[in-house]
Amino acid sequence: MTPEQRLEQLERQVRRANRTGIAALAVVMAGLILLAGMLATSRARAATEPEPEAVTASEFRLVDVEGKTRALLCLEDNNPRLRFYDEQGTVRATFKLDTYGPGLVFAQENGKLAMGLGSTDNIVSLGLGHDGNLRAVFSVDEAGKPGIIFRDSTGRTFWSAP
């Protein structure tokens, strides 16, 4: 190959590279312009769209893959309740707020009271139970005075203080 042919081949390669580079630059610029337009449009749309409204209902259920209720947020006698259910459908925990004050109740597998924690204007108490019967109650009254009550299986108090 002569030097003139090699020079002509090199010039063709440079022209081809220039055209390829210009085409690539044009594609990148078009992409950037398109992206900027999309961002401007989405920002303008977000600025004009109203804030989503609150979801309002009298009951919300959380269900598992089988459709069983595992948690329930509801109103009972116009007081809020949050209940948690085990796999058998037994209420095992309840958080409630009513006219007496807030309360938290835990149940055994049979659904009967195991523990309760509550607060009213006058007293804060923790009750421990078995099969639905309170066996021990620990409390503090409005004056800050503590109290303890122990009951037998029939519910009869056999020891208390003060």
N, C-alpha and C. Protein backbone atom coordinates (compact mmCIF):
# COMPACT_ATOMS: atom_id res chain seq x y z
N MET A 1 0.86 -1.16 0.00
CA MET A 1 0.00 0.00 0.00
C MET A 1 0.92 1.24 0.00
N THR A 2 0.55 2.18 -0.83
CA THR A 2 1.36 3.39 -0.97
C THR A 2 1.03 4.35 0.15
N PRO A 3 1.93 5.31 0.40
CA PRO A 3 1.66 6.28 1.45
C PRO A 3 0.40 7.09 1.18
N GLU A 4 0.08 7.39 -0.09
CA GLU A 4 -1.13 8.14 -0.41
C GLU A 4 -2.39 7.33 -0.07
N GLN A 5 -2.35 6.01 -0.35
CA GLN A 5 -3.49 5.15 -0.06
C GLN A 5 -3.71 5.04 1.46
N ARG A 6 -2.58 4.90 2.17
CA ARG A 6 -2.67 4.81 3.63
C ARG A 6 -3.22 6.11 4.21
N LEU A 7 -2.78 7.25 3.67
CA LEU A 7 -3.27 8.54 4.13
C LEU A 7 -4.76 8.67 3.85
N GLU A 8 -5.19 8.24 2.64
CA GLU A 8 -6.62 8.29 2.28
C GLU A 8 -7.45 7.40 3.20
N GLN A 9 -6.92 6.19 3.54
CA GLN A 9 -7.62 5.27 4.45
C GLN A 9 -7.74 5.88 5.84
N LEU A 10 -6.67 6.49 6.34
CA LEU A 10 -6.68 7.14 7.64
C LEU A 10 -7.69 8.29 7.67
N GLU A 11 -7.76 9.08 6.59
CA GLU A 11 -8.73 10.18 6.53
C GLU A 11 -10.17 9.66 6.57
N ARG A 12 -10.45 8.52 5.88
CA ARG A 12 -11.78 7.92 5.93
C ARG A 12 -12.12 7.46 7.35
N GLN A 13 -11.15 6.86 8.03
CA GLN A 13 -11.38 6.39 9.40
C GLN A 13 -11.67 7.56 10.34
N VAL A 14 -10.93 8.67 10.15
CA VAL A 14 -11.16 9.85 10.99
C VAL A 14 -12.55 10.43 10.72
N ARG A 15 -12.96 10.52 9.41
CA ARG A 15 -14.29 11.03 9.09
C ARG A 15 -15.37 10.14 9.70
N ARG A 16 -15.20 8.80 9.60
CA ARG A 16 -16.16 7.85 10.17
C ARG A 16 -16.23 8.00 11.69
N ALA A 17 -15.10 8.15 12.35
CA ALA A 17 -15.07 8.32 13.81
C ALA A 17 -15.75 9.63 14.21
N ASN A 18 -15.52 10.68 13.42
CA ASN A 18 -16.16 11.96 13.70
C ASN A 18 -17.68 11.84 13.59
N ARG A 19 -18.16 11.18 12.51
CA ARG A 19 -19.61 11.00 12.35
C ARG A 19 -20.18 10.18 13.49
N THR A 20 -19.49 9.11 13.89
CA THR A 20 -19.95 8.26 14.99
C THR A 20 -19.98 9.06 16.29
N GLY A 21 -18.96 9.83 16.56
CA GLY A 21 -18.90 10.64 17.77
C GLY A 21 -20.00 11.68 17.80
N ILE A 22 -20.26 12.33 16.67
CA ILE A 22 -21.32 13.33 16.61
C ILE A 22 -22.68 12.68 16.82
N ALA A 23 -22.88 11.50 16.22
CA ALA A 23 -24.15 10.79 16.40
C ALA A 23 -24.33 10.38 17.87
N ALA A 24 -23.27 9.88 18.49
CA ALA A 24 -23.37 9.49 19.91
C ALA A 24 -23.65 10.70 20.78
N LEU A 25 -22.99 11.82 20.50
CA LEU A 25 -23.23 13.04 21.26
C LEU A 25 -24.67 13.51 21.09
N ALA A 26 -25.21 13.40 19.88
CA ALA A 26 -26.60 13.79 19.64
C ALA A 26 -27.56 12.91 20.42
N VAL A 27 -27.30 11.60 20.48
CA VAL A 27 -28.16 10.68 21.24
C VAL A 27 -28.10 11.01 22.72
N VAL A 28 -26.92 11.27 23.26
CA VAL A 28 -26.78 11.61 24.68
C VAL A 28 -27.51 12.93 24.97
N MET A 29 -27.34 13.92 24.13
CA MET A 29 -28.02 15.21 24.34
C MET A 29 -29.54 15.03 24.30
N ALA A 30 -30.03 14.24 23.33
CA ALA A 30 -31.48 14.01 23.25
C ALA A 30 -31.98 13.32 24.51
N GLY A 31 -31.22 12.36 25.02
CA GLY A 31 -31.60 11.67 26.25
C GLY A 31 -31.64 12.61 27.43
N LEU A 32 -30.64 13.48 27.55
CA LEU A 32 -30.62 14.45 28.65
C LEU A 32 -31.80 15.42 28.56
N ILE A 33 -32.11 15.88 27.35
CA ILE A 33 -33.24 16.78 27.17
C ILE A 33 -34.54 16.08 27.55
N LEU A 34 -34.69 14.82 27.14
CA LEU A 34 -35.89 14.04 27.47
C LEU A 34 -36.00 13.84 28.98
N LEU A 35 -34.89 13.50 29.63
CA LEU A 35 -34.88 13.31 31.08
C LEU A 35 -35.24 14.61 31.80
N ALA A 36 -34.67 15.73 31.37
CA ALA A 36 -34.98 17.02 32.00
C ALA A 36 -36.46 17.35 31.85
N GLY A 37 -37.02 17.06 30.67
CA GLY A 37 -38.44 17.31 30.46
C GLY A 37 -39.31 16.45 31.35
N MET A 38 -38.93 15.19 31.50
CA MET A 38 -39.70 14.29 32.37
C MET A 38 -39.64 14.75 33.82
N LEU A 39 -38.47 15.16 34.28
CA LEU A 39 -38.34 15.64 35.66
C LEU A 39 -39.17 16.90 35.88
N ALA A 40 -39.11 17.83 34.93
CA ALA A 40 -39.88 19.07 35.06
C ALA A 40 -41.37 18.77 35.08
N THR A 41 -41.82 17.85 34.22
CA THR A 41 -43.23 17.49 34.18
C THR A 41 -43.68 16.83 35.47
N SER A 42 -42.87 15.91 36.01
CA SER A 42 -43.27 15.22 37.24
C SER A 42 -43.28 16.17 38.41
N ARG A 43 -42.35 17.10 38.46
CA ARG A 43 -42.35 18.09 39.56
C ARG A 43 -43.56 19.01 39.46
N ALA A 44 -43.90 19.42 38.26
CA ALA A 44 -45.06 20.29 38.08
C ALA A 44 -46.33 19.55 38.45
N ARG A 45 -46.41 18.25 38.07
CA ARG A 45 -47.58 17.45 38.40
C ARG A 45 -47.68 17.25 39.90
N ALA A 46 -46.54 16.96 40.56
CA ALA A 46 -46.54 16.74 42.01
C ALA A 46 -46.94 18.00 42.75
N ALA A 47 -46.56 19.16 42.22
CA ALA A 47 -46.91 20.42 42.87
C ALA A 47 -48.39 20.72 42.74
N THR A 48 -49.03 20.25 41.65
CA THR A 48 -50.44 20.56 41.45
C THR A 48 -51.37 19.49 42.00
N GLU A 49 -50.86 18.27 42.25
CA GLU A 49 -51.71 17.21 42.78
C GLU A 49 -51.95 17.43 44.26
N PRO A 50 -53.17 17.21 44.73
CA PRO A 50 -53.46 17.39 46.16
C PRO A 50 -52.81 16.26 46.98
N GLU A 51 -52.57 16.56 48.24
CA GLU A 51 -52.06 15.55 49.16
C GLU A 51 -53.07 14.42 49.26
N PRO A 52 -52.61 13.17 49.40
CA PRO A 52 -53.56 12.07 49.54
C PRO A 52 -54.40 12.24 50.81
N GLU A 53 -55.65 11.87 50.71
CA GLU A 53 -56.54 11.98 51.86
C GLU A 53 -56.30 10.82 52.81
N ALA A 54 -56.70 11.00 54.04
CA ALA A 54 -56.59 9.95 55.04
C ALA A 54 -57.60 8.85 54.72
N VAL A 55 -57.20 7.62 54.99
CA VAL A 55 -58.12 6.50 54.84
C VAL A 55 -59.00 6.48 56.09
N THR A 56 -60.29 6.45 55.90
CA THR A 56 -61.22 6.51 57.02
C THR A 56 -62.11 5.28 57.00
N ALA A 57 -62.21 4.63 58.14
CA ALA A 57 -63.08 3.45 58.27
C ALA A 57 -63.38 3.24 59.74
N SER A 58 -64.37 2.44 60.02
CA SER A 58 -64.69 2.13 61.41
C SER A 58 -63.98 0.86 61.86
N GLU A 59 -63.31 0.16 60.92
CA GLU A 59 -62.61 -1.08 61.28
C GLU A 59 -61.52 -1.36 60.25
N PHE A 60 -60.36 -1.79 60.73
CA PHE A 60 -59.26 -2.22 59.87
C PHE A 60 -58.84 -3.62 60.31
N ARG A 61 -58.72 -4.53 59.36
CA ARG A 61 -58.32 -5.90 59.65
C ARG A 61 -56.99 -6.21 58.97
N LEU A 62 -56.12 -6.88 59.71
CA LEU A 62 -54.87 -7.39 59.15
C LEU A 62 -55.06 -8.89 59.05
N VAL A 63 -54.99 -9.42 57.83
CA VAL A 63 -55.23 -10.85 57.63
C VAL A 63 -53.96 -11.52 57.12
N ASP A 64 -53.82 -12.82 57.43
CA ASP A 64 -52.67 -13.58 56.96
C ASP A 64 -52.95 -14.10 55.55
N VAL A 65 -52.03 -14.92 55.02
CA VAL A 65 -52.17 -15.41 53.64
C VAL A 65 -53.39 -16.31 53.48
N GLU A 66 -53.89 -16.88 54.56
CA GLU A 66 -55.08 -17.75 54.50
C GLU A 66 -56.37 -16.96 54.70
N GLY A 67 -56.26 -15.65 54.92
CA GLY A 67 -57.44 -14.82 55.10
C GLY A 67 -57.92 -14.74 56.54
N LYS A 68 -57.17 -15.32 57.49
CA LYS A 68 -57.56 -15.25 58.90
C LYS A 68 -57.18 -13.91 59.48
N THR A 69 -58.07 -13.35 60.31
CA THR A 69 -57.78 -12.08 60.97
C THR A 69 -56.71 -12.31 62.02
N ARG A 70 -55.63 -11.51 61.93
CA ARG A 70 -54.53 -11.62 62.91
C ARG A 70 -54.45 -10.38 63.78
N ALA A 71 -55.01 -9.25 63.30
CA ALA A 71 -55.08 -8.03 64.11
C ALA A 71 -56.32 -7.26 63.66
N LEU A 72 -56.90 -6.55 64.61
CA LEU A 72 -58.12 -5.79 64.34
C LEU A 72 -58.05 -4.47 65.07
N LEU A 73 -58.22 -3.38 64.32
CA LEU A 73 -58.34 -2.05 64.91
C LEU A 73 -59.79 -1.64 64.70
N CYS A 74 -60.50 -1.39 65.80
CA CYS A 74 -61.93 -1.11 65.67
C CYS A 74 -62.39 -0.19 66.79
N LEU A 75 -63.65 0.16 66.72
CA LEU A 75 -64.31 0.90 67.79
C LEU A 75 -65.30 -0.03 68.45
N GLU A 76 -65.30 -0.04 69.76
CA GLU A 76 -66.26 -0.83 70.52
C GLU A 76 -66.89 0.12 71.52
N ASP A 77 -68.20 0.32 71.44
CA ASP A 77 -68.89 1.33 72.26
C ASP A 77 -68.23 2.69 72.11
N ASN A 78 -67.83 3.00 70.88
CA ASN A 78 -67.19 4.26 70.51
C ASN A 78 -65.83 4.46 71.17
N ASN A 79 -65.20 3.37 71.63
CA ASN A 79 -63.87 3.41 72.21
C ASN A 79 -62.92 2.58 71.35
N PRO A 80 -61.71 3.10 71.08
CA PRO A 80 -60.79 2.36 70.21
C PRO A 80 -60.22 1.11 70.87
N ARG A 81 -60.05 0.05 70.05
CA ARG A 81 -59.48 -1.22 70.49
C ARG A 81 -58.52 -1.71 69.41
N LEU A 82 -57.41 -2.27 69.83
CA LEU A 82 -56.49 -2.94 68.94
C LEU A 82 -56.30 -4.35 69.49
N ARG A 83 -56.74 -5.34 68.72
CA ARG A 83 -56.67 -6.74 69.17
C ARG A 83 -55.72 -7.53 68.28
N PHE A 84 -55.00 -8.44 68.90
CA PHE A 84 -54.11 -9.35 68.18
C PHE A 84 -54.59 -10.78 68.40
N TYR A 85 -54.67 -11.54 67.31
CA TYR A 85 -55.18 -12.91 67.34
C TYR A 85 -54.06 -13.90 67.04
N ASP A 86 -54.14 -15.09 67.67
CA ASP A 86 -53.18 -16.14 67.34
C ASP A 86 -53.66 -16.90 66.11
N GLU A 87 -52.93 -17.94 65.71
CA GLU A 87 -53.28 -18.70 64.50
C GLU A 87 -54.62 -19.41 64.61
N GLN A 88 -55.09 -19.68 65.84
CA GLN A 88 -56.38 -20.34 66.03
C GLN A 88 -57.54 -19.35 66.08
N GLY A 89 -57.24 -18.05 66.02
CA GLY A 89 -58.29 -17.04 66.06
C GLY A 89 -58.64 -16.56 67.45
N THR A 90 -57.85 -16.92 68.45
CA THR A 90 -58.09 -16.50 69.83
C THR A 90 -57.44 -15.13 70.06
N VAL A 91 -58.18 -14.22 70.70
CA VAL A 91 -57.60 -12.92 71.05
C VAL A 91 -56.55 -13.15 72.13
N ARG A 92 -55.31 -12.76 71.84
CA ARG A 92 -54.22 -12.97 72.79
C ARG A 92 -53.74 -11.68 73.42
N ALA A 93 -53.99 -10.53 72.77
CA ALA A 93 -53.58 -9.25 73.34
C ALA A 93 -54.56 -8.18 72.87
N THR A 94 -54.88 -7.27 73.79
CA THR A 94 -55.77 -6.15 73.46
C THR A 94 -55.21 -4.88 74.07
N PHE A 95 -55.15 -3.85 73.27
CA PHE A 95 -54.82 -2.52 73.76
C PHE A 95 -56.08 -1.69 73.59
N LYS A 96 -56.52 -1.06 74.66
CA LYS A 96 -57.80 -0.36 74.60
C LYS A 96 -57.72 0.98 75.30
N LEU A 97 -58.65 1.85 74.91
CA LEU A 97 -58.80 3.13 75.56
C LEU A 97 -60.30 3.34 75.72
N ASP A 98 -60.74 3.50 76.96
CA ASP A 98 -62.17 3.73 77.19
C ASP A 98 -62.35 4.81 78.24
N THR A 99 -63.57 4.94 78.74
CA THR A 99 -63.86 6.01 79.68
C THR A 99 -63.08 5.87 80.99
N TYR A 100 -62.63 4.66 81.31
CA TYR A 100 -61.85 4.44 82.53
C TYR A 100 -60.38 4.81 82.35
N GLY A 101 -59.90 4.76 81.10
CA GLY A 101 -58.50 5.04 80.81
C GLY A 101 -57.91 3.98 79.90
N PRO A 102 -56.60 4.01 79.68
CA PRO A 102 -55.96 3.03 78.81
C PRO A 102 -55.77 1.70 79.52
N GLY A 103 -55.73 0.63 78.72
CA GLY A 103 -55.51 -0.69 79.29
C GLY A 103 -54.85 -1.62 78.29
N LEU A 104 -54.09 -2.54 78.82
CA LEU A 104 -53.42 -3.56 78.01
C LEU A 104 -53.71 -4.90 78.66
N VAL A 105 -54.25 -5.84 77.87
CA VAL A 105 -54.64 -7.14 78.41
C VAL A 105 -54.00 -8.24 77.58
N PHE A 106 -53.41 -9.22 78.26
CA PHE A 106 -52.85 -10.40 77.61
C PHE A 106 -53.64 -11.63 78.04
N ALA A 107 -53.86 -12.54 77.10
CA ALA A 107 -54.63 -13.75 77.40
C ALA A 107 -53.78 -14.99 77.17
N GLN A 108 -54.18 -16.06 77.85
CA GLN A 108 -53.54 -17.36 77.65
C GLN A 108 -54.06 -17.97 76.35
N GLU A 109 -53.54 -19.13 75.97
CA GLU A 109 -53.98 -19.81 74.75
C GLU A 109 -55.47 -20.08 74.73
N ASN A 110 -56.07 -20.27 75.93
CA ASN A 110 -57.51 -20.53 75.99
C ASN A 110 -58.33 -19.25 75.93
N GLY A 111 -57.66 -18.09 75.79
CA GLY A 111 -58.36 -16.82 75.68
C GLY A 111 -58.69 -16.17 77.00
N LYS A 112 -58.39 -16.83 78.10
CA LYS A 112 -58.71 -16.27 79.41
C LYS A 112 -57.58 -15.37 79.91
N LEU A 113 -57.96 -14.41 80.76
CA LEU A 113 -57.05 -13.39 81.26
C LEU A 113 -55.77 -13.99 81.85
N ALA A 114 -54.63 -13.44 81.44
CA ALA A 114 -53.35 -13.81 82.01
C ALA A 114 -52.72 -12.62 82.72
N MET A 115 -52.86 -11.42 82.11
CA MET A 115 -52.28 -10.23 82.71
C MET A 115 -53.02 -9.01 82.20
N GLY A 116 -53.19 -8.04 83.07
CA GLY A 116 -53.81 -6.78 82.66
C GLY A 116 -53.08 -5.62 83.29
N LEU A 117 -52.92 -4.57 82.52
CA LEU A 117 -52.27 -3.36 83.00
C LEU A 117 -53.20 -2.22 82.66
N GLY A 118 -53.52 -1.39 83.65
CA GLY A 118 -54.46 -0.32 83.38
C GLY A 118 -54.19 0.91 84.20
N SER A 119 -54.78 2.01 83.76
CA SER A 119 -54.61 3.27 84.45
C SER A 119 -55.92 4.03 84.37
N THR A 120 -56.34 4.59 85.50
CA THR A 120 -57.51 5.47 85.54
C THR A 120 -57.04 6.78 86.15
N ASP A 121 -57.98 7.68 86.39
CA ASP A 121 -57.61 8.94 87.05
C ASP A 121 -57.12 8.70 88.47
N ASN A 122 -57.59 7.61 89.10
CA ASN A 122 -57.32 7.41 90.52
C ASN A 122 -56.30 6.32 90.83
N ILE A 123 -56.06 5.40 89.90
CA ILE A 123 -55.23 4.24 90.25
C ILE A 123 -54.53 3.68 89.01
N VAL A 124 -53.35 3.14 89.24
CA VAL A 124 -52.61 2.39 88.23
C VAL A 124 -52.48 0.98 88.78
N SER A 125 -52.79 -0.03 87.95
CA SER A 125 -52.74 -1.39 88.49
C SER A 125 -52.20 -2.38 87.47
N LEU A 126 -51.64 -3.44 88.02
CA LEU A 126 -51.16 -4.58 87.25
C LEU A 126 -51.80 -5.81 87.87
N GLY A 127 -52.53 -6.55 87.06
CA GLY A 127 -53.18 -7.75 87.56
C GLY A 127 -52.61 -8.97 86.86
N LEU A 128 -52.34 -10.01 87.63
CA LEU A 128 -51.86 -11.27 87.08
C LEU A 128 -52.91 -12.33 87.34
N GLY A 129 -53.22 -13.08 86.30
CA GLY A 129 -54.30 -14.04 86.46
C GLY A 129 -53.94 -15.41 85.92
N HIS A 130 -54.90 -16.32 86.13
CA HIS A 130 -54.80 -17.67 85.60
C HIS A 130 -56.21 -18.13 85.28
N ASP A 131 -56.43 -18.60 84.05
CA ASP A 131 -57.74 -19.04 83.60
C ASP A 131 -58.83 -18.01 83.84
N GLY A 132 -58.48 -16.75 83.66
CA GLY A 132 -59.47 -15.69 83.76
C GLY A 132 -59.67 -15.14 85.15
N ASN A 133 -59.06 -15.73 86.16
CA ASN A 133 -59.21 -15.25 87.53
C ASN A 133 -57.98 -14.45 87.94
N LEU A 134 -58.21 -13.22 88.41
CA LEU A 134 -57.10 -12.43 88.91
C LEU A 134 -56.59 -13.06 90.19
N ARG A 135 -55.30 -13.36 90.22
CA ARG A 135 -54.71 -14.00 91.39
C ARG A 135 -53.86 -13.02 92.19
N ALA A 136 -53.29 -12.01 91.52
CA ALA A 136 -52.47 -11.00 92.20
C ALA A 136 -52.72 -9.66 91.53
N VAL A 137 -52.92 -8.64 92.39
CA VAL A 137 -53.12 -7.28 91.88
C VAL A 137 -52.16 -6.36 92.61
N PHE A 138 -51.38 -5.63 91.83
CA PHE A 138 -50.45 -4.66 92.37
C PHE A 138 -50.94 -3.29 91.90
N SER A 139 -51.05 -2.34 92.83
CA SER A 139 -51.62 -1.04 92.44
C SER A 139 -50.96 0.10 93.18
N VAL A 140 -51.16 1.29 92.63
CA VAL A 140 -50.74 2.53 93.27
C VAL A 140 -51.91 3.49 93.11
N ASP A 141 -52.38 4.07 94.26
CA ASP A 141 -53.54 4.94 94.17
C ASP A 141 -53.13 6.39 93.89
N GLU A 142 -54.13 7.30 93.85
CA GLU A 142 -53.87 8.69 93.48
C GLU A 142 -52.96 9.40 94.47
N ALA A 143 -52.88 8.92 95.70
CA ALA A 143 -52.00 9.51 96.70
C ALA A 143 -50.59 8.92 96.63
N GLY A 144 -50.39 7.93 95.75
CA GLY A 144 -49.09 7.29 95.63
C GLY A 144 -48.91 6.10 96.56
N LYS A 145 -49.99 5.68 97.22
CA LYS A 145 -49.92 4.57 98.17
C LYS A 145 -50.03 3.24 97.43
N PRO A 146 -49.05 2.34 97.60
CA PRO A 146 -49.10 1.05 96.91
C PRO A 146 -50.05 0.08 97.61
N GLY A 147 -50.54 -0.86 96.84
CA GLY A 147 -51.39 -1.91 97.40
C GLY A 147 -51.11 -3.24 96.70
N ILE A 148 -51.32 -4.31 97.45
CA ILE A 148 -51.14 -5.67 96.92
C ILE A 148 -52.31 -6.51 97.39
N ILE A 149 -52.85 -7.31 96.48
CA ILE A 149 -53.93 -8.23 96.83
C ILE A 149 -53.57 -9.58 96.23
N PHE A 150 -53.70 -10.66 97.04
CA PHE A 150 -53.53 -12.02 96.55
C PHE A 150 -54.84 -12.77 96.74
N ARG A 151 -55.26 -13.49 95.71
CA ARG A 151 -56.52 -14.23 95.76
C ARG A 151 -56.28 -15.70 95.47
N ASP A 152 -57.16 -16.55 96.01
CA ASP A 152 -57.05 -17.97 95.72
C ASP A 152 -57.78 -18.29 94.42
N SER A 153 -57.85 -19.58 94.07
CA SER A 153 -58.44 -19.98 92.79
C SER A 153 -59.93 -19.70 92.70
N THR A 154 -60.60 -19.47 93.84
CA THR A 154 -62.03 -19.14 93.82
C THR A 154 -62.26 -17.63 93.73
N GLY A 155 -61.18 -16.84 93.80
CA GLY A 155 -61.31 -15.39 93.75
C GLY A 155 -61.38 -14.74 95.10
N ARG A 156 -61.26 -15.53 96.18
CA ARG A 156 -61.33 -14.99 97.54
C ARG A 156 -59.96 -14.43 97.92
N THR A 157 -59.95 -13.19 98.47
CA THR A 157 -58.71 -12.56 98.90
C THR A 157 -58.21 -13.28 100.16
N PHE A 158 -56.98 -13.75 100.11
CA PHE A 158 -56.41 -14.40 101.30
C PHE A 158 -55.29 -13.58 101.91
N TRP A 159 -54.80 -12.56 101.20
CA TRP A 159 -53.80 -11.67 101.77
C TRP A 159 -53.80 -10.36 101.01
N SER A 160 -53.69 -9.25 101.74
CA SER A 160 -53.60 -7.95 101.09
C SER A 160 -52.82 -7.01 101.97
N ALA A 161 -52.26 -5.98 101.34
CA ALA A 161 -51.54 -4.95 102.08
C ALA A 161 -51.72 -3.65 101.33
N PRO A 162 -51.90 -2.56 101.93
CA PRO A 162 -51.98 -2.40 103.37
C PRO A 162 -53.31 -2.86 103.88
